């Protein structure tokens, strides 16, 4: 949803979300409170250049972007563990509403991409 006018951006790549399930005992920090029974949600777009994060390695809790090899630790709030990404993968906190999984709060960070930005 666009913050200024509250219009839902249907069909936008910014709406793509990854859902992963991990052992809740393996979650660190905010990942514990942002999950529901070990289910976590992250932006599906790499904060480096906006490519799709496509690889999931469940035994390591690792999400990877195949474009430029950025890797993120899903157990630790999407922390960068390798590659050129300079920021964590934005997480989307979840909660239960009755028995339905829903969004608890907005993404942990604005979804934006670093490559090509003048800093």
Protein backbone atom coordinates (compact mmCIF):
# COMPACT_ATOMS: atom_id res chain seq x y z
CA UNK A 1 0.00 0.00 0.00
CA UNK A 2 1.32 3.44 -0.86
CA UNK A 3 1.81 5.28 2.46
CA UNK A 4 0.68 8.67 1.19
CA UNK A 5 -2.62 7.75 -0.48
CA UNK A 6 -3.27 4.23 0.92
CA UNK A 7 -3.75 2.78 -2.58
CA UNK A 8 -2.86 -0.90 -2.85
CA UNK A 9 -0.27 -1.48 -5.57
CA UNK A 10 -1.82 -4.54 -7.22
CA UNK A 11 0.61 -6.46 -9.35
CA UNK A 12 3.63 -4.62 -7.92
CA UNK A 13 6.81 -6.63 -7.36
CA UNK A 14 7.03 -4.79 -4.03
CA UNK A 15 4.14 -6.98 -2.81
CA UNK A 16 6.05 -10.26 -3.25
CA UNK A 17 6.62 -12.08 0.03
CA UNK A 18 8.52 -15.23 1.00
CA UNK A 19 7.13 -17.45 3.75
CA UNK A 20 9.50 -19.87 5.47
CA UNK A 21 9.09 -22.18 8.44
CA UNK A 22 11.86 -22.89 10.91
CA UNK A 23 12.12 -24.53 14.31
CA UNK A 24 11.01 -21.70 16.66
CA UNK A 25 13.86 -22.59 19.04
CA UNK A 26 16.37 -21.63 16.31
CA UNK A 27 15.05 -18.06 15.87
CA UNK A 28 17.10 -15.12 17.14
CA UNK A 29 16.08 -11.65 18.32
CA UNK A 30 13.12 -10.03 16.56
CA UNK A 31 12.61 -13.16 14.45
CA UNK A 32 11.10 -14.79 17.54
CA UNK A 33 8.44 -12.12 18.07
CA UNK A 34 7.82 -11.58 14.34
CA UNK A 35 7.03 -15.25 13.70
CA UNK A 36 4.05 -17.50 14.31
CA UNK A 37 5.09 -21.01 15.32
CA UNK A 38 8.34 -20.59 13.35
CA UNK A 39 6.68 -19.14 10.22
CA UNK A 40 8.47 -15.99 9.03
CA UNK A 41 7.76 -13.59 6.16
CA UNK A 42 10.34 -11.59 4.20
CA UNK A 43 10.33 -9.37 1.15
CA UNK A 44 11.05 -11.52 -1.91
CA UNK A 45 13.22 -8.73 -3.36
CA UNK A 46 16.91 -8.40 -2.58
CA UNK A 47 17.79 -4.98 -1.09
CA UNK A 48 20.95 -4.89 -3.24
CA UNK A 49 19.48 -4.62 -6.75
CA UNK A 50 15.86 -5.73 -6.49
CA UNK A 51 16.34 -9.19 -7.96
CA UNK A 52 14.11 -12.00 -6.69
CA UNK A 53 15.39 -13.97 -3.74
CA UNK A 54 14.96 -17.48 -5.10
CA UNK A 55 16.99 -19.99 -3.09
CA UNK A 56 16.01 -21.41 0.30
CA UNK A 57 18.42 -23.61 2.27
CA UNK A 58 16.29 -24.80 5.21
CA UNK A 59 19.03 -26.64 7.10
CA UNK A 60 20.94 -23.33 7.39
CA UNK A 61 17.93 -21.00 7.52
CA UNK A 62 19.44 -19.18 4.55
CA UNK A 63 17.70 -17.19 1.80
CA UNK A 64 19.79 -16.35 -1.28
CA UNK A 65 19.61 -14.07 -4.29
CA UNK A 66 21.09 -15.75 -7.34
CA UNK A 67 21.70 -12.47 -9.25
CA UNK A 68 24.65 -11.20 -7.18
CA UNK A 69 24.97 -13.92 -4.51
CA UNK A 70 23.66 -12.02 -1.49
CA UNK A 71 22.68 -14.35 1.34
CA UNK A 72 20.45 -13.66 4.33
CA UNK A 73 19.89 -15.43 7.66
CA UNK A 74 16.14 -15.97 8.07
CA UNK A 75 16.74 -17.04 11.69
CA UNK A 76 18.19 -13.60 12.52
CA UNK A 77 15.76 -11.08 11.02
CA UNK A 78 17.14 -11.40 7.48
CA UNK A 79 20.68 -10.36 8.45
CA UNK A 80 23.15 -10.23 5.54
CA UNK A 81 25.63 -13.09 5.84
CA UNK A 82 27.33 -12.86 2.43
CA UNK A 83 27.37 -10.92 -0.82
CA UNK A 84 27.02 -7.27 -1.81
CA UNK A 85 23.72 -6.46 -0.06
CA UNK A 86 24.34 -3.79 2.57
CA UNK A 87 21.02 -4.12 4.41
CA UNK A 88 18.97 -7.01 5.82
CA UNK A 89 16.13 -8.55 3.90
CA UNK A 90 13.02 -6.65 5.13
CA UNK A 91 10.86 -8.82 7.37
CA UNK A 92 7.08 -8.71 7.63
CA UNK A 93 5.91 -9.43 11.20
CA UNK A 94 3.11 -11.99 11.47
CA UNK A 95 0.40 -12.86 14.00
CA UNK A 96 -2.61 -15.12 14.28
CA UNK A 97 -6.13 -13.74 13.96
CA UNK A 98 -8.19 -16.67 15.17
CA UNK A 99 -6.58 -19.48 13.17
CA UNK A 100 -5.54 -17.29 10.20
CA UNK A 101 -1.99 -16.05 9.65
CA UNK A 102 -2.06 -12.25 9.08
CA UNK A 103 0.34 -9.31 8.91
CA UNK A 104 0.98 -7.81 12.36
CA UNK A 105 2.89 -4.66 11.33
CA UNK A 106 4.44 -3.12 8.21
CA UNK A 107 7.74 -4.36 6.78
CA UNK A 108 10.71 -3.80 9.11
CA UNK A 109 12.29 -1.47 6.53
CA UNK A 110 11.28 0.38 3.39
CA UNK A 111 11.73 -1.86 0.36
CA UNK A 112 14.36 -0.14 -1.75
CA UNK A 113 17.44 -1.16 -3.70
CA UNK A 114 21.02 0.05 -3.26
CA UNK A 115 22.59 -0.68 -6.62
CA UNK A 116 22.86 2.46 -8.73
CA UNK A 117 22.17 4.84 -5.81
CA UNK A 118 24.53 7.68 -5.08
CA UNK A 119 25.40 7.53 -1.40
